[in-house]
Amino acid sequence: MNVKITCSTILSLVVFASSSAFALPTQVIHQDTPACDPLFIPTLVDEIGDFTVFPADEALGHLDLGLANPVCTATDLPFIPDALVSIRNLTGRDLQEVWYIADKETTITNFDGEANDIAFAPLQEAFRLDHDISDPFGTHHPLVFESGPFDGIWQAGEEWRFVLQDYTNTLGLAPDAITSRGVGDASFDLAGVASPSSGSIIAIPSIPEPASAVLALLGMSLSAFVVRRQRS
């Protein structure tokens, strides 16, 4: 019994493995605005939220840590307090890029642009969670603390703290209410399970080095081939 393993087969396996990292993919649309820093979000992302509502591989813990200092002074309103939010990565995987998108009831002034679920216009304030290490050329650094390496990679189990400048919410929700599924205007509540949310965290997972991924999948393919040969 002959089994031919080609480069295209391995590439397909790599793509499949990478795409399967998105447990429940979310599609968003974004628009850059001349506010703080430029905004770019890929269309396909993963929404990460409250561990009592979201699947285990999309879960985070969250806390409202009280007041913070402004992080985008050009747009700061001194008479409105700034909020400090803590999020902990409970997904079991490292996340390469992370963004915050406000729900429609939330207003902030430290946004890089607008973003929303792809079915809606990009009208909700959004920004990338970064600091002077992960974004050395930017001027807006809402990410002010990492419990792990200060590298802009949200590692599994790591706590991040970020600022929502001039945070207000018409429903009176806490700034860390990252509880319901759906981004922006698509955010909805699960009856009896979740409270309304004030915003969403979206991210893309870290992808293994191509060589490592190929070698790992090649090993899996060869192992399967050996098993089939032994059974034939």
C-alpha atoms as a PDB file:
ATOM      1  CA  MET A   1       0.000   0.000   0.000  1.00  0.00           C
ATOM      2  CA  ASN A   2       1.645   3.207  -1.166  1.00  0.00           C
ATOM      3  CA  VAL A   3       0.892   6.587   0.386  1.00  0.00           C
ATOM      4  CA  LYS A   4       2.248   9.678  -1.320  1.00  0.00           C
ATOM      5  CA  ILE A   5       2.812  12.698   0.944  1.00  0.00           C
ATOM      6  CA  THR A   6       3.193  15.875  -1.078  1.00  0.00           C
ATOM      7  CA  CYS A   7       4.043  19.451  -0.144  1.00  0.00           C
ATOM      8  CA  SER A   8       0.493  20.472  -1.033  1.00  0.00           C
ATOM      9  CA  THR A   9      -0.861  17.862   1.390  1.00  0.00           C
ATOM     10  CA  ILE A  10       1.316  19.198   4.184  1.00  0.00           C
ATOM     11  CA  LEU A  11       0.364  22.793   3.349  1.00  0.00           C
ATOM     12  CA  SER A  12      -3.317  21.871   3.495  1.00  0.00           C
ATOM     13  CA  LEU A  13      -2.769  20.318   6.910  1.00  0.00           C
ATOM     14  CA  VAL A  14      -0.988  23.448   8.125  1.00  0.00           C
ATOM     15  CA  VAL A  15      -3.827  25.674   6.905  1.00  0.00           C
ATOM     16  CA  PHE A  16      -6.389  23.373   8.523  1.00  0.00           C
ATOM     17  CA  ALA A  17      -4.520  23.363  11.812  1.00  0.00           C
ATOM     18  CA  SER A  18      -4.208  27.139  11.773  1.00  0.00           C
ATOM     19  CA  SER A  19      -7.863  27.729  10.933  1.00  0.00           C
ATOM     20  CA  SER A  20      -9.048  25.247  13.553  1.00  0.00           C
ATOM     21  CA  ALA A  21      -7.487  27.467  16.203  1.00  0.00           C
ATOM     22  CA  PHE A  22     -10.542  29.697  15.771  1.00  0.00           C
ATOM     23  CA  ALA A  23     -13.130  27.855  17.862  1.00  0.00           C
ATOM     24  CA  LEU A  24     -15.953  30.171  16.804  1.00  0.00           C
ATOM     25  CA  PRO A  25     -14.653  32.683  14.244  1.00  0.00           C
ATOM     26  CA  THR A  26     -16.034  36.217  14.175  1.00  0.00           C
ATOM     27  CA  GLN A  27     -15.962  38.512  11.160  1.00  0.00           C
ATOM     28  CA  VAL A  28     -15.498  42.233  11.702  1.00  0.00           C
ATOM     29  CA  ILE A  29     -15.163  45.373   9.613  1.00  0.00           C
ATOM     30  CA  HIS A  30     -13.020  48.336  10.618  1.00  0.00           C
ATOM     31  CA  GLN A  31     -12.361  51.940   9.646  1.00  0.00           C
ATOM     32  CA  ASP A  32      -9.343  54.041  10.563  1.00  0.00           C
ATOM     33  CA  THR A  33     -10.006  57.516  11.956  1.00  0.00           C
ATOM     34  CA  PRO A  34      -7.657  60.423  12.713  1.00  0.00           C
ATOM     35  CA  ALA A  35      -7.954  59.927  16.485  1.00  0.00           C
ATOM     36  CA  CYS A  36      -5.061  58.335  18.373  1.00  0.00           C
ATOM     37  CA  ASP A  37      -3.072  55.721  16.397  1.00  0.00           C
ATOM     38  CA  PRO A  38      -3.948  53.998  13.093  1.00  0.00           C
ATOM     39  CA  LEU A  39      -6.306  51.024  13.294  1.00  0.00           C
ATOM     40  CA  PHE A  40      -6.124  47.819  11.293  1.00  0.00           C
ATOM     41  CA  ILE A  41      -8.056  44.651  12.168  1.00  0.00           C
ATOM     42  CA  PRO A  42      -8.156  41.557   9.950  1.00  0.00           C
ATOM     43  CA  THR A  43     -11.635  40.414   8.970  1.00  0.00           C
ATOM     44  CA  LEU A  44     -11.455  37.001  10.651  1.00  0.00           C
ATOM     45  CA  VAL A  45     -10.821  37.178  14.405  1.00  0.00           C
ATOM     46  CA  ASP A  46     -11.753  35.298  17.552  1.00  0.00           C
ATOM     47  CA  GLU A  47     -13.930  36.890  20.207  1.00  0.00           C
ATOM     48  CA  ILE A  48     -12.743  36.269  23.771  1.00  0.00           C
ATOM     49  CA  GLY A  49     -15.140  36.782  26.691  1.00  0.00           C
ATOM     50  CA  ASP A  50     -16.366  35.957  30.166  1.00  0.00           C
ATOM     51  CA  PHE A  51     -15.463  32.392  31.206  1.00  0.00           C
ATOM     52  CA  THR A  52     -19.027  31.680  32.406  1.00  0.00           C
ATOM     53  CA  VAL A  53     -20.470  32.429  28.955  1.00  0.00           C
ATOM     54  CA  PHE A  54     -17.799  31.661  26.345  1.00  0.00           C
ATOM     55  CA  PRO A  55     -16.312  28.233  25.469  1.00  0.00           C
ATOM     56  CA  ALA A  56     -13.182  27.274  27.402  1.00  0.00           C
ATOM     57  CA  ASP A  57     -10.849  28.061  24.491  1.00  0.00           C
ATOM     58  CA  GLU A  58     -12.363  31.564  24.154  1.00  0.00           C
ATOM     59  CA  ALA A  59     -12.540  32.432  27.852  1.00  0.00           C
ATOM     60  CA  LEU A  60     -11.123  35.277  29.900  1.00  0.00           C
ATOM     61  CA  GLY A  61     -11.361  36.552  33.445  1.00  0.00           C
ATOM     62  CA  HIS A  62     -11.990  40.266  33.982  1.00  0.00           C
ATOM     63  CA  LEU A  63     -11.966  42.903  36.726  1.00  0.00           C
ATOM     64  CA  ASP A  64     -12.679  46.606  37.053  1.00  0.00           C
ATOM     65  CA  LEU A  65      -9.584  48.004  38.803  1.00  0.00           C
ATOM     66  CA  GLY A  66     -10.910  51.526  39.260  1.00  0.00           C
ATOM     67  CA  LEU A  67      -9.345  54.757  38.074  1.00  0.00           C
ATOM     68  CA  ALA A  68      -6.461  55.154  35.625  1.00  0.00           C
ATOM     69  CA  ASN A  69      -4.416  57.873  33.950  1.00  0.00           C
ATOM     70  CA  PRO A  70      -5.165  59.076  30.395  1.00  0.00           C
ATOM     71  CA  VAL A  71      -3.268  57.375  27.569  1.00  0.00           C
ATOM     72  CA  CYS A  72      -4.212  59.578  24.605  1.00  0.00           C
ATOM     73  CA  THR A  73      -3.822  63.135  25.860  1.00  0.00           C
ATOM     74  CA  ALA A  74      -4.825  64.672  22.537  1.00  0.00           C
ATOM     75  CA  THR A  75      -8.407  63.466  23.016  1.00  0.00           C
ATOM     76  CA  ASP A  76      -8.639  63.317  26.819  1.00  0.00           C
ATOM     77  CA  LEU A  77     -11.544  65.008  28.604  1.00  0.00           C
ATOM     78  CA  PRO A  78     -10.106  65.878  32.045  1.00  0.00           C
ATOM     79  CA  PHE A  79     -13.509  66.045  33.767  1.00  0.00           C
ATOM     80  CA  ILE A  80     -14.409  62.396  32.941  1.00  0.00           C
ATOM     81  CA  PRO A  81     -12.572  59.635  34.863  1.00  0.00           C
ATOM     82  CA  ASP A  82     -10.554  56.972  33.069  1.00  0.00           C
ATOM     83  CA  ALA A  83     -11.067  53.269  33.820  1.00  0.00           C
ATOM     84  CA  LEU A  84      -8.467  50.534  34.337  1.00  0.00           C
ATOM     85  CA  VAL A  85      -9.555  47.058  33.218  1.00  0.00           C
ATOM     86  CA  SER A  86      -7.881  43.723  33.963  1.00  0.00           C
ATOM     87  CA  ILE A  87      -8.279  40.735  31.639  1.00  0.00           C
ATOM     88  CA  ARG A  88      -6.708  37.296  32.107  1.00  0.00           C
ATOM     89  CA  ASN A  89      -6.195  34.898  29.200  1.00  0.00           C
ATOM     90  CA  LEU A  90      -7.965  31.635  30.074  1.00  0.00           C
ATOM     91  CA  THR A  91      -8.061  30.251  26.518  1.00  0.00           C
ATOM     92  CA  GLY A  92      -5.091  27.928  26.957  1.00  0.00           C
ATOM     93  CA  ARG A  93      -3.344  29.477  23.931  1.00  0.00           C
ATOM     94  CA  ASP A  94      -1.216  32.512  23.185  1.00  0.00           C
ATOM     95  CA  LEU A  95      -2.869  35.404  21.345  1.00  0.00           C
ATOM     96  CA  GLN A  96      -0.744  37.431  18.948  1.00  0.00           C
ATOM     97  CA  GLU A  97      -2.862  40.567  18.444  1.00  0.00           C
ATOM     98  CA  VAL A  98      -5.653  41.851  20.685  1.00  0.00           C
ATOM     99  CA  TRP A  99      -8.231  44.642  20.208  1.00  0.00           C
ATOM    100  CA  TYR A 100     -11.025  46.227  22.229  1.00  0.00           C
ATOM    101  CA  ILE A 101     -14.320  47.165  20.530  1.00  0.00           C
ATOM    102  CA  ALA A 102     -16.916  49.176  22.430  1.00  0.00           C
ATOM    103  CA  ASP A 103     -20.575  48.219  22.475  1.00  0.00           C
ATOM    104  CA  LYS A 104     -23.011  50.829  21.175  1.00  0.00           C
ATOM    105  CA  GLU A 105     -23.871  52.009  24.718  1.00  0.00           C
ATOM    106  CA  THR A 106     -20.205  52.704  25.532  1.00  0.00           C
ATOM    107  CA  THR A 107     -18.221  55.850  24.803  1.00  0.00           C
ATOM    108  CA  ILE A 108     -14.444  56.209  25.107  1.00  0.00           C
ATOM    109  CA  THR A 109     -12.004  58.812  23.784  1.00  0.00           C
ATOM    110  CA  ASN A 110      -8.847  56.707  23.329  1.00  0.00           C
ATOM    111  CA  PHE A 111      -9.904  54.974  20.134  1.00  0.00           C
ATOM    112  CA  ASP A 112      -7.793  54.321  17.039  1.00  0.00           C
ATOM    113  CA  GLY A 113     -10.799  53.951  14.775  1.00  0.00           C
ATOM    114  CA  GLU A 114     -14.138  52.218  14.484  1.00  0.00           C
ATOM    115  CA  ALA A 115     -15.049  48.554  14.162  1.00  0.00           C
ATOM    116  CA  ASN A 116     -18.134  46.394  14.211  1.00  0.00           C
ATOM    117  CA  ASP A 117     -19.551  43.034  13.263  1.00  0.00           C
ATOM    118  CA  ILE A 118     -19.272  42.668   9.492  1.00  0.00           C
ATOM    119  CA  ALA A 119     -23.062  42.912   9.120  1.00  0.00           C
ATOM    120  CA  PHE A 120     -23.054  46.469  10.476  1.00  0.00           C
ATOM    121  CA  ALA A 121     -21.348  49.752   9.638  1.00  0.00           C
ATOM    122  CA  PRO A 122     -18.102  50.380  11.585  1.00  0.00           C
ATOM    123  CA  LEU A 123     -19.515  52.869  14.097  1.00  0.00           C
ATOM    124  CA  GLN A 124     -18.145  51.621  17.433  1.00  0.00           C
ATOM    125  CA  GLU A 125     -14.902  52.897  18.972  1.00  0.00           C
ATOM    126  CA  ALA A 126     -12.012  50.429  18.864  1.00  0.00           C
ATOM    127  CA  PHE A 127      -8.286  50.237  19.572  1.00  0.00           C
ATOM    128  CA  ARG A 128      -5.422  47.780  19.612  1.00  0.00           C
ATOM    129  CA  LEU A 129      -4.074  46.765  23.017  1.00  0.00           C
ATOM    130  CA  ASP A 130      -0.428  47.735  22.715  1.00  0.00           C
ATOM    131  CA  HIS A 131       2.385  49.537  24.531  1.00  0.00           C
ATOM    132  CA  ASP A 132       5.695  51.162  23.628  1.00  0.00           C
ATOM    133  CA  ILE A 133       7.349  47.759  23.111  1.00  0.00           C
ATOM    134  CA  SER A 134       4.737  46.209  20.824  1.00  0.00           C
ATOM    135  CA  ASP A 135       4.068  49.550  19.086  1.00  0.00           C
ATOM    136  CA  PRO A 136       7.281  51.606  19.369  1.00  0.00           C
ATOM    137  CA  PHE A 137       6.222  54.174  16.757  1.00  0.00           C
ATOM    138  CA  GLY A 138       2.751  54.821  18.146  1.00  0.00           C
ATOM    139  CA  THR A 139       1.623  57.519  20.550  1.00  0.00           C
ATOM    140  CA  HIS A 140      -1.413  55.734  22.031  1.00  0.00           C
ATOM    141  CA  HIS A 141      -0.483  52.913  24.419  1.00  0.00           C
ATOM    142  CA  PRO A 142      -3.574  51.672  26.281  1.00  0.00           C
ATOM    143  CA  LEU A 143      -1.873  48.472  27.491  1.00  0.00           C
ATOM    144  CA  VAL A 144      -0.144  49.460  30.730  1.00  0.00           C
ATOM    145  CA  PHE A 145       0.636  46.096  32.391  1.00  0.00           C
ATOM    146  CA  GLU A 146       1.508  42.507  31.488  1.00  0.00           C
ATOM    147  CA  SER A 147       2.000  39.908  34.225  1.00  0.00           C
ATOM    148  CA  GLY A 148       4.300  37.955  31.887  1.00  0.00           C
ATOM    149  CA  PRO A 149       6.948  39.156  29.427  1.00  0.00           C
ATOM    150  CA  PHE A 150       6.344  42.760  28.327  1.00  0.00           C
ATOM    151  CA  ASP A 151       6.145  41.793  24.664  1.00  0.00           C
ATOM    152  CA  GLY A 152       2.572  42.360  23.475  1.00  0.00           C
ATOM    153  CA  ILE A 153       1.829  38.628  23.281  1.00  0.00           C
ATOM    154  CA  TRP A 154      -1.153  37.742  25.459  1.00  0.00           C
ATOM    155  CA  GLN A 155       0.144  34.436  26.718  1.00  0.00           C
ATOM    156  CA  ALA A 156      -2.033  31.707  28.166  1.00  0.00           C
ATOM    157  CA  GLY A 157      -2.748  32.552  31.805  1.00  0.00           C
ATOM    158  CA  GLU A 158      -1.315  36.062  31.522  1.00  0.00           C
ATOM    159  CA  GLU A 159      -3.052  39.111  32.972  1.00  0.00           C
ATOM    160  CA  TRP A 160      -3.225  42.351  30.996  1.00  0.00           C
ATOM    161  CA  ARG A 161      -4.373  45.753  32.211  1.00  0.00           C
ATOM    162  CA  PHE A 162      -5.540  48.461  29.847  1.00  0.00           C
ATOM    163  CA  VAL A 163      -7.153  51.894  29.970  1.00  0.00           C
ATOM    164  CA  LEU A 164     -10.576  52.956  28.753  1.00  0.00           C
ATOM    165  CA  GLN A 165     -10.166  56.721  28.637  1.00  0.00           C
ATOM    166  CA  ASP A 166     -13.193  58.854  29.598  1.00  0.00           C
ATOM    167  CA  TYR A 167     -15.322  55.717  29.896  1.00  0.00           C
ATOM    168  CA  THR A 168     -19.092  56.133  30.034  1.00  0.00           C
ATOM    169  CA  ASN A 169     -21.919  53.663  29.441  1.00  0.00           C
ATOM    170  CA  THR A 170     -25.579  54.626  29.056  1.00  0.00           C
ATOM    171  CA  LEU A 171     -26.686  51.439  30.856  1.00  0.00           C
ATOM    172  CA  GLY A 172     -24.386  52.097  33.789  1.00  0.00           C
ATOM    173  CA  LEU A 173     -22.344  48.949  33.056  1.00  0.00           C
ATOM    174  CA  ALA A 174     -18.876  48.421  34.473  1.00  0.00           C
ATOM    175  CA  PRO A 175     -15.951  48.900  32.077  1.00  0.00           C
ATOM    176  CA  ASP A 176     -14.998  45.226  32.429  1.00  0.00           C
ATOM    177  CA  ALA A 177     -18.453  43.903  31.387  1.00  0.00           C
ATOM    178  CA  ILE A 178     -17.050  41.702  28.607  1.00  0.00           C
ATOM    179  CA  THR A 179     -19.836  39.197  28.961  1.00  0.00           C
ATOM    180  CA  SER A 180     -22.036  38.643  25.905  1.00  0.00           C
ATOM    181  CA  ARG A 181     -21.251  37.094  22.562  1.00  0.00           C
ATOM    182  CA  GLY A 182     -21.236  39.309  19.501  1.00  0.00           C
ATOM    183  CA  VAL A 183     -19.097  42.306  18.610  1.00  0.00           C
ATOM    184  CA  GLY A 184     -20.427  45.870  18.521  1.00  0.00           C
ATOM    185  CA  ASP A 185     -24.001  46.075  17.282  1.00  0.00           C
ATOM    186  CA  ALA A 186     -24.147  42.257  17.092  1.00  0.00           C
ATOM    187  CA  SER A 187     -23.655  41.911  20.845  1.00  0.00           C
ATOM    188  CA  PHE A 188     -26.557  40.095  22.471  1.00  0.00           C
ATOM    189  CA  ASP A 189     -27.420  38.658  25.865  1.00  0.00           C
ATOM    190  CA  LEU A 190     -27.993  35.019  26.693  1.00  0.00           C
ATOM    191  CA  ALA A 191     -31.144  34.905  28.810  1.00  0.00           C
ATOM    192  CA  GLY A 192     -30.391  33.802  32.336  1.00  0.00           C
ATOM    193  CA  VAL A 193     -26.682  33.489  31.625  1.00  0.00           C
ATOM    194  CA  ALA A 194     -25.129  36.814  30.728  1.00  0.00           C
ATOM    195  CA  SER A 195     -25.633  40.443  31.600  1.00  0.00           C
ATOM    196  CA  PRO A 196     -25.420  43.105  28.898  1.00  0.00           C
ATOM    197  CA  SER A 197     -21.838  43.859  27.895  1.00  0.00           C
ATOM    198  CA  SER A 198     -20.020  47.157  27.559  1.00  0.00           C
ATOM    199  CA  GLY A 199     -17.423  45.956  25.062  1.00  0.00           C
ATOM    200  CA  SER A 200     -15.682  43.036  23.377  1.00  0.00           C
ATOM    201  CA  ILE A 201     -12.172  41.645  23.218  1.00  0.00           C
ATOM    202  CA  ILE A 202     -11.151  40.182  19.863  1.00  0.00           C
ATOM    203  CA  ALA A 203      -7.844  38.562  18.956  1.00  0.00           C
ATOM    204  CA  ILE A 204      -5.904  36.391  16.549  1.00  0.00           C
ATOM    205  CA  PRO A 205      -3.961  33.409  17.914  1.00  0.00           C
ATOM    206  CA  SER A 206      -0.229  32.971  17.640  1.00  0.00           C
ATOM    207  CA  ILE A 207       0.612  30.743  14.665  1.00  0.00           C
ATOM    208  CA  PRO A 208       3.451  28.215  15.067  1.00  0.00           C
ATOM    209  CA  GLU A 209       6.633  28.798  13.079  1.00  0.00           C
ATOM    210  CA  PRO A 210       5.994  27.381   9.575  1.00  0.00           C
ATOM    211  CA  ALA A 211       8.905  24.952   9.775  1.00  0.00           C
ATOM    212  CA  SER A 212       7.773  23.655  13.165  1.00  0.00           C
ATOM    213  CA  ALA A 213       4.210  23.254  12.000  1.00  0.00           C
ATOM    214  CA  VAL A 214       5.248  21.423   8.858  1.00  0.00           C
ATOM    215  CA  LEU A 215       7.549  19.069  10.773  1.00  0.00           C
ATOM    216  CA  ALA A 216       4.890  18.336  13.363  1.00  0.00           C
ATOM    217  CA  LEU A 217       2.239  17.604  10.747  1.00  0.00           C
ATOM    218  CA  LEU A 218       4.676  15.577   8.676  1.00  0.00           C
ATOM    219  CA  GLY A 219       5.372  13.492  11.760  1.00  0.00           C
ATOM    220  CA  MET A 220       1.644  12.971  12.258  1.00  0.00           C
ATOM    221  CA  SER A 221       1.237  11.959   8.617  1.00  0.00           C
ATOM    222  CA  LEU A 222       4.121   9.480   8.790  1.00  0.00           C
ATOM    223  CA  SER A 223       2.783   8.020  12.028  1.00  0.00           C
ATOM    224  CA  ALA A 224      -0.611   7.473  10.415  1.00  0.00           C
ATOM    225  CA  PHE A 225       1.119   5.900   7.401  1.00  0.00           C
ATOM    226  CA  VAL A 226       3.028   3.446   9.637  1.00  0.00           C
ATOM    227  CA  VAL A 227      -0.138   2.467  11.470  1.00  0.00           C
ATOM    228  CA  ARG A 228      -1.955   1.843   8.194  1.00  0.00           C
ATOM    229  CA  ARG A 229       0.974  -0.254   6.888  1.00  0.00           C
ATOM    230  CA  GLN A 230       0.963  -2.357  10.086  1.00  0.00           C
ATOM    231  CA  ARG A 231      -2.781  -2.959   9.805  1.00  0.00           C
ATOM    232  CA  SER A 232      -2.701  -3.824   6.099  1.00  0.00           C
END
